[in-house]
Amino acid sequence: MATIDEVETNDATQASAESFDVEAVRADFPALELEVYDKPLVYLDNAATTQKPASVLAAEDLWYRESCANVHRGVHFLSQKATDAYEEARAKVQHFINAEFEDEIVFVRGTTDAINLVASSYGRKEIGSGDEILISHMEHHSNIVPWQLLCEEKGAVLKVAPINDRGEIIIEELEALLTAKTRMVAVGYVSNALGTINPVKQIVDLAHERGVAVLVDGAQAMPHLKVDVRDLGCDFFAFSGHKMFAPTGIGGLYGRRELLESMPPYQGGGEMILTVSFERSDYADPPARFEAGTPNIAGAVALGAAVDYLSNLGMDAIGNYESGVLDYATELVEQIPGVRIIGTAAKKASVLSFVLEGVHAHDVGTILDREGIAVRAGHHCAQPVMKRYDVPATTRASFALYNTRSEAERLAAAITRVREVFG
């Protein structure tokens, strides 16, 4: 029987979800007015990239119209204005994820770039022959391949924590894989292929008890969960703007100040230096040390606008609303004969992956597309996950703050039609 506290929490969650004005939110996104094959677009490929609200599009356009200049280098008015906008965006990200200092936020191209930065800089400095790097079985390729490259270069060993049939990391086995040789743990906050929300704070605590640094791949967490890097305690946190309603080609790396200060440059060029001569170069302090060349200034400004948009809605309200839509969609789809849902963790966000008996995922995706429903079909850059479940691919419907229960109903009806087509 639920306790009074649990009932009150559930009631509050329900009230929060019911008060979320999804139609007002949808009106902010021009792309949602599109039609596909003469049918209203149902966009359920948000784990790949999200649509952009008008405020984000306007922020990027306005920067190019009224503030277009290079940052940090000019004394003229436009350069100062551009620099102020760029650094204001950094401060917005800092507060959004509750980093302690602005200079703990490095602007990068996205999550992949951030992970490669850590592997190439921190990894090359701290990891040597015989050392171990620990990841999980559900990682995106971007949180596998950079560590493989580092292991090949350094003679280190990549260890993999297993997952259970529900798609949850087996914490006891992860803990057993933490040894005196472990130098890095890299784990996703939310699985892009399964939707699993991993207990990253617990994983961080287990690693830190042994003096091991932790990187969190936060790409799929940022649009759905309230992220607090100080509460998580992680050493690094990587994310992409385009997953959280900002443009492509911009993202961020949070790194604890003392670690960033100890790391050598990832790339060389302008902006990341203090002095250069033919004999030697002296490098700037972080974050400039890791932002070589002209950055994606407009993208950073638009990322700041996306942070504003999410902050105004409230991440708790977003998460509560999305959970209701995901639960409803799951209930509808799992009732369809022949459907097997891949990833049934107790704690999930945004993702509904499934296979339909006798029908390849690509065929499912193609027919859904003709119904105006955009989903992803394939291995989702998570081939080890597909192998774990012994499937070549899944169809993935991934939800965001603008998706509705009626869209979940259209998804279920379209899957039913696929089943009828293939008998």
Protein backbone atom coordinates (compact mmCIF):
# COMPACT_ATOMS: atom_id res chain seq x y z
CA MET A 1 0.00 0.00 0.00
CA ALA A 2 1.31 3.46 -0.88
CA THR A 3 2.25 5.79 1.94
CA ILE A 4 0.69 9.25 2.33
CA ASP A 5 3.93 10.80 1.08
CA GLU A 6 3.84 8.64 -2.02
CA VAL A 7 0.21 9.53 -2.71
CA GLU A 8 0.95 13.24 -2.36
CA THR A 9 3.92 12.93 -4.72
CA ASN A 10 1.86 11.05 -7.28
CA ASP A 11 -0.95 13.60 -7.05
CA ALA A 12 1.53 16.45 -7.51
CA THR A 13 3.08 14.73 -10.50
CA GLN A 14 -0.33 14.18 -12.08
CA ALA A 15 -1.31 17.81 -11.49
CA SER A 16 1.96 18.99 -13.01
CA ALA A 17 1.43 16.84 -16.10
CA GLU A 18 -2.18 17.98 -16.50
CA SER A 19 -1.23 21.65 -16.21
CA PHE A 20 1.40 21.37 -18.96
CA ASP A 21 -0.08 23.20 -21.96
CA VAL A 22 1.19 21.04 -24.80
CA GLU A 23 -0.84 22.85 -27.45
CA ALA A 24 0.79 26.15 -26.50
CA VAL A 25 4.17 24.43 -26.67
CA ARG A 26 3.42 22.95 -30.09
CA ALA A 27 2.56 26.41 -31.40
CA ASP A 28 6.17 27.41 -30.68
CA PHE A 29 7.55 24.89 -33.21
CA PRO A 30 7.03 25.81 -36.89
CA ALA A 31 8.03 22.36 -38.18
CA LEU A 32 5.10 20.74 -36.42
CA GLU A 33 2.77 22.46 -38.90
CA LEU A 34 4.25 20.42 -41.76
CA GLU A 35 2.36 17.73 -43.64
CA VAL A 36 3.99 14.52 -44.90
CA TYR A 37 2.24 12.67 -47.73
CA ASP A 38 -0.83 14.86 -47.10
CA LYS A 39 -0.95 13.87 -43.44
CA PRO A 40 -0.08 15.99 -40.40
CA LEU A 41 3.48 15.31 -39.29
CA VAL A 42 3.92 13.20 -36.18
CA TYR A 43 7.57 13.71 -35.29
CA LEU A 44 8.82 10.83 -33.13
CA ASP A 45 12.53 10.89 -33.95
CA ASN A 46 13.55 13.20 -31.13
CA ALA A 47 16.34 10.95 -29.86
CA ALA A 48 18.07 11.60 -33.18
CA THR A 49 17.43 15.35 -33.19
CA THR A 50 14.70 17.67 -31.99
CA GLN A 51 12.70 20.33 -33.77
CA LYS A 52 13.48 23.96 -32.89
CA PRO A 53 11.18 26.54 -31.30
CA ALA A 54 10.72 29.93 -32.95
CA SER A 55 12.64 31.66 -30.16
CA VAL A 56 15.76 29.60 -30.89
CA LEU A 57 15.49 30.16 -34.64
CA ALA A 58 15.03 33.88 -34.02
CA ALA A 59 18.03 34.09 -31.69
CA GLU A 60 20.34 32.56 -34.27
CA ASP A 61 18.94 34.73 -37.08
CA LEU A 62 19.17 37.91 -34.99
CA TRP A 63 22.79 37.22 -34.10
CA TYR A 64 23.74 37.00 -37.76
CA ARG A 65 21.74 40.14 -38.56
CA GLU A 66 22.87 42.40 -35.72
CA SER A 67 25.88 40.92 -33.89
CA CYS A 68 27.92 39.06 -36.47
CA ALA A 69 31.59 39.41 -35.59
CA ASN A 70 34.34 37.23 -34.16
CA VAL A 71 34.62 36.88 -30.41
CA HIS A 72 37.33 37.73 -27.89
CA ARG A 73 39.66 39.32 -30.43
CA GLY A 74 38.23 42.66 -31.52
CA VAL A 75 37.92 45.98 -29.74
CA HIS A 76 35.16 47.23 -32.03
CA PHE A 77 31.49 47.39 -31.02
CA LEU A 78 30.23 44.32 -32.89
CA SER A 79 33.03 42.12 -31.59
CA GLN A 80 32.30 43.18 -28.04
CA LYS A 81 28.59 42.54 -28.58
CA ALA A 82 29.27 39.08 -30.05
CA THR A 83 31.63 38.23 -27.19
CA ASP A 84 29.06 39.27 -24.61
CA ALA A 85 26.38 37.11 -26.26
CA TYR A 86 28.72 34.12 -26.53
CA GLU A 87 29.82 34.29 -22.90
CA GLU A 88 26.26 34.93 -21.72
CA ALA A 89 25.31 31.62 -23.36
CA ARG A 90 28.09 29.90 -21.42
CA ALA A 91 26.71 31.34 -18.17
CA LYS A 92 23.22 30.10 -19.07
CA VAL A 93 24.52 26.57 -19.56
CA GLN A 94 26.47 26.78 -16.29
CA HIS A 95 23.33 27.65 -14.33
CA PHE A 96 21.16 25.17 -16.24
CA ILE A 97 23.29 22.21 -15.16
CA ASN A 98 24.38 23.80 -11.85
CA ALA A 99 28.11 23.86 -12.55
CA GLU A 100 30.06 25.83 -9.96
CA PHE A 101 32.04 28.00 -12.38
CA GLU A 102 31.48 29.41 -15.87
CA ASP A 103 34.93 28.25 -16.95
CA GLU A 104 33.88 24.64 -16.34
CA ILE A 105 31.76 24.85 -19.53
CA VAL A 106 33.58 24.20 -22.81
CA PHE A 107 31.69 24.76 -26.06
CA VAL A 108 32.17 21.90 -28.53
CA ARG A 109 30.37 20.54 -31.59
CA GLY A 110 28.33 18.05 -29.58
CA THR A 111 28.50 15.02 -27.33
CA THR A 112 30.79 13.07 -29.66
CA ASP A 113 33.24 15.96 -29.77
CA ALA A 114 33.12 16.31 -25.97
CA ILE A 115 33.85 12.63 -25.32
CA ASN A 116 36.69 12.65 -27.83
CA LEU A 117 38.11 15.73 -26.12
CA VAL A 118 38.19 13.95 -22.76
CA ALA A 119 39.58 10.72 -24.23
CA SER A 120 42.26 12.55 -26.20
CA SER A 121 43.30 15.01 -23.48
CA TYR A 122 42.55 13.57 -20.05
CA GLY A 123 42.79 10.00 -21.32
CA ARG A 124 46.19 10.34 -22.98
CA LYS A 125 47.55 12.04 -19.86
CA GLU A 126 46.09 9.75 -17.21
CA ILE A 127 45.71 6.32 -18.82
CA GLY A 128 48.57 3.98 -19.63
CA SER A 129 49.41 0.40 -20.51
CA GLY A 130 47.40 -2.13 -18.51
CA ASP A 131 44.97 0.48 -17.15
CA GLU A 132 41.25 -0.14 -17.51
CA ILE A 133 38.32 1.91 -18.80
CA LEU A 134 34.83 0.80 -17.79
CA ILE A 135 31.69 1.44 -19.86
CA SER A 136 28.30 -0.28 -20.03
CA HIS A 137 26.74 -2.60 -22.59
CA MET A 138 24.12 0.00 -23.58
CA GLU A 139 26.47 2.77 -24.70
CA HIS A 140 26.13 4.75 -27.92
CA HIS A 141 29.01 4.22 -30.33
CA SER A 142 30.26 7.70 -29.40
CA ASN A 143 30.91 6.43 -25.89
CA ILE A 144 32.61 3.26 -27.12
CA VAL A 145 34.84 4.07 -30.09
CA PRO A 146 36.85 6.95 -28.54
CA TRP A 147 37.80 4.68 -25.64
CA GLN A 148 38.68 1.84 -28.00
CA LEU A 149 41.00 4.18 -29.89
CA LEU A 150 42.61 5.26 -26.65
CA CYS A 151 43.03 1.65 -25.50
CA GLU A 152 44.66 0.71 -28.81
CA GLU A 153 47.06 3.64 -28.51
CA LYS A 154 47.94 3.15 -24.85
CA GLY A 155 47.65 -0.60 -24.40
CA ALA A 156 44.78 -0.13 -21.97
CA VAL A 157 41.82 -2.50 -21.54
CA LEU A 158 38.15 -1.71 -22.17
CA LYS A 159 35.78 -3.41 -19.71
CA VAL A 160 32.00 -3.60 -20.20
CA ALA A 161 29.39 -3.77 -17.45
CA PRO A 162 26.51 -6.04 -18.49
CA ILE A 163 22.80 -5.21 -18.62
CA ASN A 164 19.83 -7.37 -17.71
CA ASP A 165 16.91 -8.33 -19.95
CA ARG A 166 15.00 -5.17 -18.99
CA GLY A 167 17.87 -3.03 -20.20
CA GLU A 168 19.28 -1.98 -16.84
CA ILE A 169 22.93 -1.96 -15.82
CA ILE A 170 23.62 -4.74 -13.33
CA ILE A 171 25.15 -2.56 -10.64
CA GLU A 172 26.68 -5.43 -8.67
CA GLU A 173 28.61 -6.56 -11.74
CA LEU A 174 29.66 -3.02 -12.59
CA GLU A 175 31.00 -2.64 -9.07
CA ALA A 176 32.89 -5.92 -9.38
CA LEU A 177 34.58 -4.61 -12.55
CA LEU A 178 35.96 -1.59 -10.68
CA THR A 179 39.51 -2.60 -9.85
CA ALA A 180 42.77 -1.01 -8.81
CA LYS A 181 43.52 -0.68 -12.55
CA THR A 182 40.35 1.28 -13.42
CA ARG A 183 41.12 4.84 -14.46
CA MET A 184 37.87 5.97 -16.09
CA VAL A 185 34.17 5.11 -16.01
CA ALA A 186 32.12 6.41 -18.95
CA VAL A 187 28.38 5.84 -18.89
CA GLY A 188 25.25 7.23 -20.51
CA TYR A 189 22.67 8.96 -18.35
CA VAL A 190 19.78 7.90 -20.63
CA SER A 191 20.08 5.18 -23.27
CA ASN A 192 19.27 6.37 -26.78
CA ALA A 193 18.28 2.85 -27.85
CA LEU A 194 16.35 1.69 -24.77
CA GLY A 195 15.32 4.83 -22.90
CA THR A 196 16.78 3.50 -19.64
CA ILE A 197 17.60 6.14 -17.04
CA ASN A 198 20.78 4.91 -15.41
CA PRO A 199 21.60 5.43 -11.71
CA VAL A 200 24.57 7.63 -12.56
CA LYS A 201 24.84 9.20 -9.11
CA GLN A 202 25.24 5.74 -7.59
CA ILE A 203 27.78 4.82 -10.26
CA VAL A 204 29.73 8.03 -9.60
CA ASP A 205 29.81 7.26 -5.88
CA LEU A 206 31.07 3.73 -6.48
CA ALA A 207 33.81 5.00 -8.80
CA HIS A 208 34.88 7.86 -6.56
CA GLU A 209 35.22 5.52 -3.58
CA ARG A 210 38.06 4.01 -5.61
CA GLY A 211 39.46 7.28 -6.91
CA VAL A 212 38.16 6.74 -10.45
CA ALA A 213 37.02 9.62 -12.67
CA VAL A 214 33.58 9.47 -14.30
CA LEU A 215 32.30 10.87 -17.59
CA VAL A 216 28.55 11.00 -18.13
CA ASP A 217 27.13 11.01 -21.66
CA GLY A 218 24.20 13.35 -21.10
CA ALA A 219 23.00 13.73 -24.69
CA GLN A 220 19.63 12.05 -24.10
CA ALA A 221 19.17 13.40 -20.58
CA MET A 222 19.31 17.14 -21.23
CA PRO A 223 15.89 17.52 -22.93
CA HIS A 224 14.06 15.30 -20.44
CA LEU A 225 15.64 15.46 -16.97
CA LYS A 226 16.74 18.15 -14.57
CA VAL A 227 20.53 17.86 -14.67
CA ASP A 228 22.63 18.88 -11.66
CA VAL A 229 26.28 18.02 -12.19
CA ARG A 230 27.22 18.91 -8.63
CA ASP A 231 24.55 16.62 -7.24
CA LEU A 232 25.63 13.83 -9.61
CA GLY A 233 29.25 14.44 -8.63
CA CYS A 234 30.54 13.52 -12.07
CA ASP A 235 33.90 14.73 -13.31
CA PHE A 236 32.80 15.28 -16.90
CA PHE A 237 29.36 15.70 -18.49
CA ALA A 238 28.90 15.80 -22.28
CA PHE A 239 25.84 16.98 -24.20
CA SER A 240 24.58 18.11 -27.61
CA GLY A 241 22.53 21.19 -28.37
CA HIS A 242 20.51 19.62 -31.16
CA LYS A 243 19.02 17.04 -28.78
CA MET A 244 17.65 19.88 -26.61
CA PHE A 245 15.98 22.09 -29.26
CA ALA A 246 19.11 24.04 -30.23
CA PRO A 247 20.90 23.93 -33.63
CA THR A 248 23.23 21.20 -34.79
CA GLY A 249 26.97 21.68 -34.46
CA ILE A 250 26.96 23.06 -30.91
CA GLY A 251 27.19 21.32 -27.56
CA GLY A 252 29.02 21.40 -24.31
CA LEU A 253 31.46 19.67 -22.04
CA TYR A 254 31.32 20.23 -18.31
CA GLY A 255 34.56 19.38 -16.57
CA ARG A 256 35.57 20.00 -12.98
CA ARG A 257 37.83 23.07 -12.97
CA GLU A 258 40.84 21.34 -11.45
CA LEU A 259 40.69 18.57 -14.03
CA LEU A 260 40.35 20.92 -17.00
CA GLU A 261 43.28 22.95 -15.70
CA SER A 262 45.41 19.81 -15.58
CA MET A 263 44.58 18.71 -19.13
CA PRO A 264 46.66 19.49 -22.23
CA PRO A 265 45.03 21.04 -25.32
CA TYR A 266 42.92 18.82 -27.55
CA GLN A 267 43.52 20.92 -30.68
CA GLY A 268 45.93 23.69 -31.57
CA GLY A 269 45.22 27.01 -33.25
CA GLY A 270 44.06 30.51 -32.60
CA GLU A 271 42.26 31.55 -29.42
CA MET A 272 43.59 28.69 -27.27
CA ILE A 273 47.00 30.28 -26.71
CA LEU A 274 48.60 33.01 -24.62
CA THR A 275 51.84 33.35 -26.57
CA VAL A 276 53.28 31.67 -29.66
CA SER A 277 56.84 31.60 -30.94
CA PHE A 278 58.65 29.19 -33.20
CA GLU A 279 60.31 27.71 -30.13
CA ARG A 280 57.21 27.13 -27.96
CA SER A 281 53.63 28.09 -27.20
CA ASP A 282 51.92 28.87 -23.90
CA TYR A 283 48.29 27.86 -23.62
CA ALA A 284 45.31 29.77 -22.32
CA ASP A 285 43.39 28.70 -19.26
CA PRO A 286 40.21 26.61 -19.71
CA PRO A 287 37.79 26.87 -21.36
CA ALA A 288 39.69 28.81 -24.06
CA ARG A 289 42.40 26.13 -24.06
CA PHE A 290 39.87 23.71 -25.58
CA GLU A 291 38.14 26.10 -28.00
CA ALA A 292 40.68 26.43 -30.80
CA GLY A 293 39.70 28.54 -33.78
CA THR A 294 36.54 30.52 -34.42
CA PRO A 295 33.74 28.82 -32.48
CA ASN A 296 30.13 28.27 -33.50
CA ILE A 297 29.11 31.63 -32.05
CA ALA A 298 25.60 31.72 -33.49
CA GLY A 299 25.05 28.14 -32.35
CA ALA A 300 26.12 28.98 -28.82
CA VAL A 301 23.76 31.97 -28.71
CA ALA A 302 20.92 29.76 -29.96
CA LEU A 303 21.85 27.11 -27.38
CA GLY A 304 21.45 29.81 -24.75
CA ALA A 305 17.99 30.54 -26.15
CA ALA A 306 17.11 26.83 -25.94
CA VAL A 307 18.23 26.80 -22.31
CA ASP A 308 15.94 29.78 -21.69
CA TYR A 309 13.05 27.97 -23.38
CA LEU A 310 13.47 24.82 -21.29
CA SER A 311 14.01 26.78 -18.09
CA ASN A 312 10.83 28.76 -18.63
CA LEU A 313 8.80 25.57 -19.04
CA GLY A 314 10.54 23.84 -16.13
CA MET A 315 12.34 20.52 -16.44
CA ASP A 316 10.20 18.84 -13.78
CA ALA A 317 7.01 19.81 -15.62
CA ILE A 318 8.48 18.60 -18.92
CA GLY A 319 9.58 15.28 -17.43
CA ASN A 320 6.22 14.63 -15.77
CA TYR A 321 4.31 15.39 -18.96
CA GLU A 322 6.56 13.26 -21.15
CA SER A 323 6.35 10.32 -18.75
CA GLY A 324 2.59 10.28 -19.15
CA VAL A 325 2.81 10.27 -22.94
CA LEU A 326 5.48 7.54 -22.95
CA ASP A 327 3.49 5.36 -20.56
CA TYR A 328 0.36 5.77 -22.67
CA ALA A 329 2.17 4.98 -25.92
CA THR A 330 3.80 1.93 -24.32
CA GLU A 331 0.42 0.66 -23.10
CA LEU A 332 -1.06 0.99 -26.58
CA VAL A 333 1.82 -0.53 -28.51
CA GLU A 334 2.45 -3.49 -26.23
CA GLN A 335 -1.15 -4.64 -26.81
CA ILE A 336 -0.55 -5.07 -30.53
CA PRO A 337 -0.07 -8.77 -31.38
CA GLY A 338 3.46 -9.58 -32.52
CA VAL A 339 5.09 -6.55 -30.89
CA ARG A 340 8.07 -7.03 -28.59
CA ILE A 341 9.27 -3.97 -26.74
CA ILE A 342 13.04 -3.73 -26.42
CA GLY A 343 13.93 -1.98 -23.19
CA THR A 344 11.52 -2.26 -20.27
CA ALA A 345 13.53 -0.67 -17.47
CA ALA A 346 11.69 0.52 -14.37
CA LYS A 347 12.98 4.04 -15.01
CA LYS A 348 12.75 5.24 -18.60
CA ALA A 349 12.63 8.47 -20.55
CA SER A 350 11.35 9.30 -24.03
CA VAL A 351 12.16 6.10 -25.94
CA LEU A 352 9.87 3.29 -27.11
CA SER A 353 11.85 0.74 -29.13
CA PHE A 354 10.18 -2.37 -30.51
CA VAL A 355 10.30 -5.14 -33.06
CA LEU A 356 7.29 -6.49 -34.95
CA GLU A 357 7.29 -10.22 -35.58
CA GLY A 358 7.96 -11.10 -39.21
CA VAL A 359 8.60 -7.50 -40.30
CA HIS A 360 12.00 -5.82 -40.59
CA ALA A 361 12.34 -2.55 -38.71
CA HIS A 362 13.12 -0.69 -41.93
CA ASP A 363 9.83 -1.86 -43.45
CA VAL A 364 7.98 -0.72 -40.36
CA GLY A 365 9.66 2.67 -40.53
CA THR A 366 8.91 3.03 -44.23
CA ILE A 367 5.20 2.34 -43.82
CA LEU A 368 4.94 4.61 -40.77
CA ASP A 369 6.57 7.35 -42.82
CA ARG A 370 3.80 7.06 -45.43
CA GLU A 371 1.38 7.62 -42.55
CA GLY A 372 3.16 10.86 -41.70
CA ILE A 373 4.93 9.38 -38.68
CA ALA A 374 8.67 9.97 -38.38
CA VAL A 375 10.47 7.25 -36.42
CA ARG A 376 13.97 5.81 -36.55
CA ALA A 377 14.65 2.25 -37.78
CA GLY A 378 18.05 0.63 -37.39
CA HIS A 379 20.68 -0.04 -34.73
CA HIS A 380 20.67 3.57 -33.44
CA CYS A 381 24.48 3.67 -33.19
CA ALA A 382 24.16 1.00 -30.50
CA GLN A 383 25.04 -2.24 -32.27
CA PRO A 384 26.09 -4.03 -29.05
CA VAL A 385 22.58 -3.41 -27.69
CA MET A 386 21.04 -5.02 -30.76
CA LYS A 387 23.35 -8.02 -30.36
CA ARG A 388 22.41 -8.29 -26.66
CA TYR A 389 18.73 -8.67 -27.64
CA ASP A 390 19.50 -10.77 -30.71
CA VAL A 391 17.77 -8.42 -33.13
CA PRO A 392 19.23 -6.81 -36.27
CA ALA A 393 17.44 -3.53 -35.64
CA THR A 394 14.51 -1.94 -33.84
CA THR A 395 11.91 0.64 -34.68
CA ARG A 396 12.32 3.52 -32.25
CA ALA A 397 9.66 6.09 -31.44
CA SER A 398 11.21 8.80 -29.29
CA PHE A 399 9.11 11.48 -27.65
CA ALA A 400 9.65 15.10 -26.66
CA LEU A 401 7.78 17.85 -24.86
CA TYR A 402 5.58 18.63 -27.89
CA ASN A 403 4.27 15.11 -28.51
CA THR A 404 0.73 14.20 -27.52
CA ARG A 405 -1.43 11.24 -26.56
CA SER A 406 -3.30 11.55 -29.84
CA GLU A 407 0.03 11.13 -31.65
CA ALA A 408 0.66 8.00 -29.58
CA GLU A 409 -2.71 6.73 -30.79
CA ARG A 410 -1.76 7.44 -34.40
CA LEU A 411 1.49 5.53 -33.86
CA ALA A 412 -0.35 2.48 -32.48
CA ALA A 413 -2.92 2.56 -35.29
CA ALA A 414 -0.17 2.75 -37.91
CA ILE A 415 1.73 -0.19 -36.38
CA THR A 416 -1.50 -2.18 -36.45
CA ARG A 417 -1.81 -1.39 -40.16
CA VAL A 418 1.77 -2.57 -40.73
CA ARG A 419 0.88 -5.87 -39.10
CA GLU A 420 -2.19 -6.19 -41.34
CA VAL A 421 -0.14 -5.46 -44.48
CA PHE A 422 2.35 -8.22 -43.65
CA GLY A 423 -0.31 -10.64 -42.49
